Amino acid sequence: MPPPPQHGGQGMSTFDKMKMGFIMGTCVGLTMGFIFGGYTIFKHGAGPNGVVRSLGQYMLGSAATFGFFMSIGTAIRTEGPEGTEKMRVYQALLQKAREERRAVPVVVMARPALSSRWAEERRNEA
């Protein structure tokens, strides 16, 4: 089988990440639907639909729910190029604080107006 196509050194697109989140959520949902649906069927009986149909309804309902929310969560979690730049700045500040044996900064990603004001205060301190 040939390897998957590369995107020129770039990562996955947001839509690809959403698809992967949906697939992972669907797998988790199928498993959870099987466990809880099986428990409910054993405890209360299958009802008029029978065991297979009742278990299938539990599994598909759970899979659709988990898949939907995992795909949305994956899309929200996806960072753009500005997110990786913020992370690089934060890592640089952490490294500088460790070298100077200072307290590690906790809040770095603030509004631009505050960031420029803090930069001005740092210049005045030095």
N, C-alpha and C. Protein backbone atom coordinates (compact mmCIF):
# COMPACT_ATOMS: atom_id res chain seq x y z
N MET A 1 0.85 -1.16 0.00
CA MET A 1 0.00 0.00 0.00
C MET A 1 0.90 1.24 0.00
N PRO A 2 0.62 2.24 -0.83
CA PRO A 2 1.48 3.42 -0.89
C PRO A 2 1.29 4.30 0.35
N PRO A 3 2.32 5.07 0.70
CA PRO A 3 2.19 5.95 1.87
C PRO A 3 1.20 7.07 1.57
N PRO A 4 0.62 7.64 2.62
CA PRO A 4 -0.33 8.73 2.40
C PRO A 4 0.38 9.94 1.80
N PRO A 5 -0.33 10.75 1.02
CA PRO A 5 0.30 11.92 0.40
C PRO A 5 0.71 12.95 1.45
N GLN A 6 1.85 13.58 1.22
CA GLN A 6 2.34 14.62 2.12
C GLN A 6 1.83 15.97 1.65
N HIS A 7 1.70 16.88 2.57
CA HIS A 7 1.18 18.20 2.24
C HIS A 7 2.31 19.23 2.18
N GLY A 8 3.43 18.88 1.62
CA GLY A 8 4.52 19.83 1.47
C GLY A 8 5.11 20.29 2.79
N GLY A 9 5.20 19.39 3.77
CA GLY A 9 5.79 19.75 5.05
C GLY A 9 4.81 20.39 6.01
N GLN A 10 3.59 20.63 5.59
CA GLN A 10 2.60 21.23 6.47
C GLN A 10 1.89 20.13 7.24
N GLY A 11 1.24 20.52 8.33
CA GLY A 11 0.46 19.56 9.09
C GLY A 11 -0.88 19.30 8.44
N MET A 12 -1.72 18.63 9.15
CA MET A 12 -3.05 18.31 8.65
C MET A 12 -3.91 19.57 8.65
N SER A 13 -4.87 19.61 7.72
CA SER A 13 -5.79 20.74 7.68
C SER A 13 -6.79 20.61 8.83
N THR A 14 -7.51 21.67 9.09
CA THR A 14 -8.51 21.65 10.15
C THR A 14 -9.61 20.64 9.85
N PHE A 15 -10.00 20.53 8.58
CA PHE A 15 -11.03 19.56 8.22
C PHE A 15 -10.53 18.14 8.43
N ASP A 16 -9.26 17.86 8.09
CA ASP A 16 -8.70 16.53 8.33
C ASP A 16 -8.67 16.21 9.82
N LYS A 17 -8.34 17.21 10.63
CA LYS A 17 -8.33 17.00 12.08
C LYS A 17 -9.74 16.76 12.61
N MET A 18 -10.73 17.47 12.03
CA MET A 18 -12.11 17.24 12.44
C MET A 18 -12.56 15.83 12.09
N LYS A 19 -12.17 15.36 10.89
CA LYS A 19 -12.53 13.99 10.50
C LYS A 19 -11.90 12.98 11.46
N MET A 20 -10.63 13.20 11.81
CA MET A 20 -9.97 12.27 12.72
C MET A 20 -10.63 12.31 14.10
N GLY A 21 -11.02 13.51 14.58
CA GLY A 21 -11.73 13.62 15.85
C GLY A 21 -13.07 12.91 15.80
N PHE A 22 -13.76 13.03 14.68
CA PHE A 22 -15.05 12.34 14.53
C PHE A 22 -14.86 10.83 14.56
N ILE A 23 -13.85 10.33 13.89
CA ILE A 23 -13.61 8.89 13.86
C ILE A 23 -13.24 8.38 15.25
N MET A 24 -12.37 9.11 15.94
CA MET A 24 -12.00 8.68 17.30
C MET A 24 -13.20 8.71 18.23
N GLY A 25 -14.01 9.79 18.15
CA GLY A 25 -15.21 9.88 18.98
C GLY A 25 -16.21 8.79 18.67
N THR A 26 -16.33 8.44 17.38
CA THR A 26 -17.25 7.37 16.99
C THR A 26 -16.80 6.04 17.57
N CYS A 27 -15.51 5.76 17.54
CA CYS A 27 -15.00 4.51 18.11
C CYS A 27 -15.25 4.45 19.61
N VAL A 28 -15.00 5.55 20.29
CA VAL A 28 -15.25 5.59 21.73
C VAL A 28 -16.75 5.43 21.99
N GLY A 29 -17.58 6.12 21.20
CA GLY A 29 -19.02 6.02 21.37
C GLY A 29 -19.56 4.63 21.13
N LEU A 30 -19.03 3.94 20.12
CA LEU A 30 -19.46 2.56 19.89
C LEU A 30 -19.13 1.68 21.08
N THR A 31 -17.95 1.85 21.62
CA THR A 31 -17.54 1.04 22.77
C THR A 31 -18.41 1.35 23.99
N MET A 32 -18.61 2.63 24.26
CA MET A 32 -19.42 3.00 25.42
C MET A 32 -20.88 2.58 25.23
N GLY A 33 -21.39 2.71 24.02
CA GLY A 33 -22.75 2.25 23.75
C GLY A 33 -22.89 0.76 23.94
N PHE A 34 -21.86 0.00 23.55
CA PHE A 34 -21.90 -1.45 23.75
C PHE A 34 -21.91 -1.79 25.24
N ILE A 35 -21.06 -1.11 26.00
CA ILE A 35 -20.97 -1.40 27.44
C ILE A 35 -22.26 -1.01 28.15
N PHE A 36 -22.68 0.25 28.00
CA PHE A 36 -23.88 0.70 28.73
C PHE A 36 -25.16 0.11 28.16
N GLY A 37 -25.22 -0.05 26.85
CA GLY A 37 -26.40 -0.68 26.25
C GLY A 37 -26.52 -2.13 26.67
N GLY A 38 -25.41 -2.85 26.68
CA GLY A 38 -25.43 -4.24 27.13
C GLY A 38 -25.86 -4.36 28.58
N TYR A 39 -25.35 -3.46 29.41
CA TYR A 39 -25.73 -3.47 30.83
C TYR A 39 -27.23 -3.21 30.98
N THR A 40 -27.73 -2.22 30.25
CA THR A 40 -29.16 -1.89 30.34
C THR A 40 -30.03 -3.04 29.84
N ILE A 41 -29.61 -3.68 28.77
CA ILE A 41 -30.39 -4.81 28.24
C ILE A 41 -30.39 -5.97 29.22
N PHE A 42 -29.25 -6.25 29.83
CA PHE A 42 -29.20 -7.34 30.82
C PHE A 42 -30.03 -7.01 32.04
N LYS A 43 -30.03 -5.75 32.46
CA LYS A 43 -30.73 -5.37 33.67
C LYS A 43 -32.24 -5.24 33.46
N HIS A 44 -32.66 -4.60 32.36
CA HIS A 44 -34.08 -4.31 32.16
C HIS A 44 -34.73 -5.11 31.04
N GLY A 45 -33.96 -5.86 30.29
CA GLY A 45 -34.52 -6.61 29.18
C GLY A 45 -34.46 -5.80 27.89
N ALA A 46 -34.62 -6.50 26.78
CA ALA A 46 -34.47 -5.87 25.46
C ALA A 46 -35.70 -5.09 25.03
N GLY A 47 -36.85 -5.41 25.55
CA GLY A 47 -38.07 -4.73 25.13
C GLY A 47 -38.60 -5.32 23.83
N PRO A 48 -39.51 -4.62 23.19
CA PRO A 48 -40.15 -5.18 22.00
C PRO A 48 -39.23 -5.22 20.77
N ASN A 49 -38.12 -4.48 20.78
CA ASN A 49 -37.24 -4.44 19.61
C ASN A 49 -36.27 -5.61 19.53
N GLY A 50 -36.05 -6.30 20.59
CA GLY A 50 -35.09 -7.40 20.59
C GLY A 50 -33.70 -6.91 21.01
N VAL A 51 -32.83 -7.87 21.25
CA VAL A 51 -31.50 -7.56 21.79
C VAL A 51 -30.65 -6.82 20.77
N VAL A 52 -30.58 -7.34 19.55
CA VAL A 52 -29.66 -6.77 18.55
C VAL A 52 -30.07 -5.35 18.18
N ARG A 53 -31.34 -5.13 17.96
CA ARG A 53 -31.79 -3.80 17.56
C ARG A 53 -31.63 -2.80 18.70
N SER A 54 -31.95 -3.21 19.92
CA SER A 54 -31.79 -2.30 21.07
C SER A 54 -30.33 -1.95 21.29
N LEU A 55 -29.46 -2.95 21.23
CA LEU A 55 -28.03 -2.70 21.41
C LEU A 55 -27.49 -1.81 20.29
N GLY A 56 -27.96 -2.03 19.08
CA GLY A 56 -27.55 -1.19 17.95
C GLY A 56 -27.97 0.25 18.12
N GLN A 57 -29.16 0.46 18.65
CA GLN A 57 -29.63 1.83 18.89
C GLN A 57 -28.77 2.52 19.94
N TYR A 58 -28.44 1.81 21.00
CA TYR A 58 -27.57 2.38 22.02
C TYR A 58 -26.20 2.73 21.42
N MET A 59 -25.65 1.81 20.67
CA MET A 59 -24.32 2.01 20.12
C MET A 59 -24.29 3.15 19.10
N LEU A 60 -25.26 3.19 18.19
CA LEU A 60 -25.26 4.25 17.17
C LEU A 60 -25.55 5.62 17.77
N GLY A 61 -26.45 5.69 18.72
CA GLY A 61 -26.72 6.97 19.37
C GLY A 61 -25.51 7.50 20.12
N SER A 62 -24.84 6.62 20.84
CA SER A 62 -23.65 7.02 21.56
C SER A 62 -22.52 7.39 20.60
N ALA A 63 -22.35 6.63 19.53
CA ALA A 63 -21.30 6.91 18.55
C ALA A 63 -21.51 8.26 17.88
N ALA A 64 -22.75 8.57 17.50
CA ALA A 64 -23.03 9.85 16.85
C ALA A 64 -22.76 11.01 17.80
N THR A 65 -23.15 10.87 19.05
CA THR A 65 -22.94 11.94 20.02
C THR A 65 -21.46 12.17 20.29
N PHE A 66 -20.73 11.09 20.61
CA PHE A 66 -19.31 11.23 20.88
C PHE A 66 -18.57 11.75 19.66
N GLY A 67 -18.89 11.24 18.49
CA GLY A 67 -18.21 11.69 17.27
C GLY A 67 -18.45 13.16 16.99
N PHE A 68 -19.67 13.62 17.16
CA PHE A 68 -20.00 15.02 16.93
C PHE A 68 -19.20 15.93 17.85
N PHE A 69 -19.21 15.62 19.14
CA PHE A 69 -18.53 16.49 20.09
C PHE A 69 -17.01 16.40 19.98
N MET A 70 -16.48 15.24 19.64
CA MET A 70 -15.03 15.15 19.45
C MET A 70 -14.59 15.92 18.21
N SER A 71 -15.37 15.92 17.15
CA SER A 71 -14.98 16.68 15.96
C SER A 71 -15.01 18.17 16.24
N ILE A 72 -16.00 18.65 16.98
CA ILE A 72 -16.05 20.06 17.34
C ILE A 72 -14.90 20.41 18.28
N GLY A 73 -14.63 19.56 19.25
CA GLY A 73 -13.52 19.81 20.16
C GLY A 73 -12.18 19.84 19.45
N THR A 74 -12.01 18.99 18.47
CA THR A 74 -10.77 18.98 17.72
C THR A 74 -10.63 20.25 16.90
N ALA A 75 -11.71 20.74 16.32
CA ALA A 75 -11.65 21.98 15.55
C ALA A 75 -11.34 23.17 16.45
N ILE A 76 -11.91 23.19 17.64
CA ILE A 76 -11.63 24.28 18.57
C ILE A 76 -10.17 24.23 19.02
N ARG A 77 -9.68 23.04 19.22
CA ARG A 77 -8.31 22.87 19.73
C ARG A 77 -7.25 23.18 18.68
N THR A 78 -7.60 23.16 17.40
CA THR A 78 -6.64 23.40 16.33
C THR A 78 -6.12 24.83 16.41
N GLU A 79 -4.79 24.95 16.41
CA GLU A 79 -4.16 26.26 16.47
C GLU A 79 -3.71 26.67 15.08
N GLY A 80 -3.84 27.94 14.81
CA GLY A 80 -3.32 28.48 13.56
C GLY A 80 -1.87 28.88 13.73
N PRO A 81 -1.30 29.51 12.73
CA PRO A 81 0.10 29.93 12.82
C PRO A 81 0.36 30.91 13.96
N GLU A 82 -0.65 31.75 14.28
CA GLU A 82 -0.43 32.70 15.38
C GLU A 82 -0.36 31.98 16.72
N GLY A 83 -1.04 30.85 16.85
CA GLY A 83 -0.96 30.08 18.09
C GLY A 83 0.41 29.48 18.30
N THR A 84 1.05 29.00 17.24
CA THR A 84 2.38 28.44 17.39
C THR A 84 3.40 29.53 17.67
N GLU A 85 3.19 30.72 17.14
CA GLU A 85 4.10 31.85 17.43
C GLU A 85 3.98 32.24 18.90
N LYS A 86 2.76 32.28 19.42
CA LYS A 86 2.58 32.58 20.84
C LYS A 86 3.26 31.53 21.71
N MET A 87 3.19 30.28 21.27
CA MET A 87 3.83 29.22 22.04
C MET A 87 5.35 29.38 22.03
N ARG A 88 5.91 29.77 20.89
CA ARG A 88 7.36 30.00 20.82
C ARG A 88 7.78 31.13 21.76
N VAL A 89 6.99 32.21 21.79
CA VAL A 89 7.30 33.33 22.68
C VAL A 89 7.22 32.87 24.13
N TYR A 90 6.20 32.11 24.45
CA TYR A 90 6.05 31.61 25.82
C TYR A 90 7.21 30.71 26.21
N GLN A 91 7.63 29.81 25.30
CA GLN A 91 8.76 28.93 25.60
C GLN A 91 10.03 29.73 25.81
N ALA A 92 10.24 30.80 25.03
CA ALA A 92 11.42 31.64 25.19
C ALA A 92 11.40 32.34 26.55
N LEU A 93 10.22 32.83 26.96
CA LEU A 93 10.11 33.46 28.28
C LEU A 93 10.37 32.47 29.40
N LEU A 94 9.87 31.26 29.25
CA LEU A 94 10.14 30.23 30.26
C LEU A 94 11.63 29.93 30.37
N GLN A 95 12.30 29.79 29.23
CA GLN A 95 13.73 29.51 29.24
C GLN A 95 14.50 30.65 29.89
N LYS A 96 14.15 31.89 29.56
CA LYS A 96 14.82 33.05 30.13
C LYS A 96 14.61 33.10 31.64
N ALA A 97 13.40 32.81 32.10
CA ALA A 97 13.12 32.82 33.53
C ALA A 97 13.90 31.73 34.25
N ARG A 98 14.05 30.58 33.63
CA ARG A 98 14.82 29.51 34.26
C ARG A 98 16.29 29.87 34.35
N GLU A 99 16.81 30.50 33.30
CA GLU A 99 18.22 30.89 33.31
C GLU A 99 18.49 31.94 34.38
N GLU A 100 17.56 32.85 34.58
CA GLU A 100 17.72 33.90 35.58
C GLU A 100 17.24 33.46 36.96
N ARG A 101 16.74 32.24 37.05
CA ARG A 101 16.22 31.68 38.30
C ARG A 101 15.15 32.56 38.92
N ARG A 102 14.26 33.02 38.06
CA ARG A 102 13.12 33.81 38.51
C ARG A 102 11.88 32.93 38.52
N ALA A 103 10.81 33.51 39.03
CA ALA A 103 9.53 32.80 38.99
C ALA A 103 9.09 32.67 37.54
N VAL A 104 8.48 31.56 37.22
CA VAL A 104 8.02 31.30 35.86
C VAL A 104 6.77 32.12 35.59
N PRO A 105 6.72 32.86 34.46
CA PRO A 105 5.52 33.66 34.18
C PRO A 105 4.32 32.76 33.91
N VAL A 106 3.20 33.12 34.49
CA VAL A 106 2.00 32.30 34.34
C VAL A 106 1.12 32.82 33.21
N VAL A 107 0.86 34.11 33.19
CA VAL A 107 0.00 34.69 32.16
C VAL A 107 0.88 35.45 31.19
N VAL A 108 0.95 34.96 29.96
CA VAL A 108 1.77 35.61 28.95
C VAL A 108 0.92 36.10 27.80
N MET A 109 -0.10 35.34 27.45
CA MET A 109 -0.90 35.65 26.28
C MET A 109 -2.03 36.60 26.66
N ALA A 110 -1.71 37.89 26.76
CA ALA A 110 -2.70 38.89 27.10
C ALA A 110 -3.05 39.71 25.87
N ARG A 111 -3.93 40.68 26.06
CA ARG A 111 -4.30 41.55 24.95
C ARG A 111 -3.09 42.36 24.50
N PRO A 112 -3.04 42.74 23.22
CA PRO A 112 -1.89 43.49 22.71
C PRO A 112 -1.64 44.80 23.46
N ALA A 113 -2.68 45.48 23.91
CA ALA A 113 -2.48 46.74 24.63
C ALA A 113 -1.72 46.50 25.92
N LEU A 114 -2.07 45.44 26.65
CA LEU A 114 -1.36 45.12 27.88
C LEU A 114 0.05 44.65 27.59
N SER A 115 0.24 43.89 26.52
CA SER A 115 1.56 43.38 26.18
C SER A 115 2.51 44.53 25.89
N SER A 116 2.06 45.55 25.16
CA SER A 116 2.93 46.68 24.86
C SER A 116 3.23 47.48 26.13
N ARG A 117 2.25 47.59 27.01
CA ARG A 117 2.48 48.30 28.27
C ARG A 117 3.49 47.55 29.13
N TRP A 118 3.38 46.23 29.18
CA TRP A 118 4.34 45.43 29.95
C TRP A 118 5.73 45.52 29.37
N ALA A 119 5.82 45.54 28.05
CA ALA A 119 7.12 45.67 27.41
C ALA A 119 7.75 47.01 27.76
N GLU A 120 6.94 48.07 27.80
CA GLU A 120 7.44 49.39 28.17
C GLU A 120 7.92 49.39 29.63
N GLU A 121 7.17 48.74 30.50
CA GLU A 121 7.60 48.67 31.91
C GLU A 121 8.90 47.89 32.07
N ARG A 122 9.06 46.83 31.29
CA ARG A 122 10.31 46.06 31.36
C ARG A 122 11.49 46.90 30.89
N ARG A 123 11.28 47.72 29.84
CA ARG A 123 12.36 48.57 29.35
C ARG A 123 12.72 49.62 30.41
N ASN A 124 11.74 50.13 31.13
CA ASN A 124 12.01 51.13 32.16
C ASN A 124 12.74 50.53 33.34
N GLU A 125 12.47 49.25 33.67
CA GLU A 125 13.14 48.58 34.78
C GLU A 125 14.63 48.35 34.49
N ALA A 126 14.95 48.08 33.25
CA ALA A 126 16.33 47.74 32.88
C ALA A 126 17.23 48.95 32.77
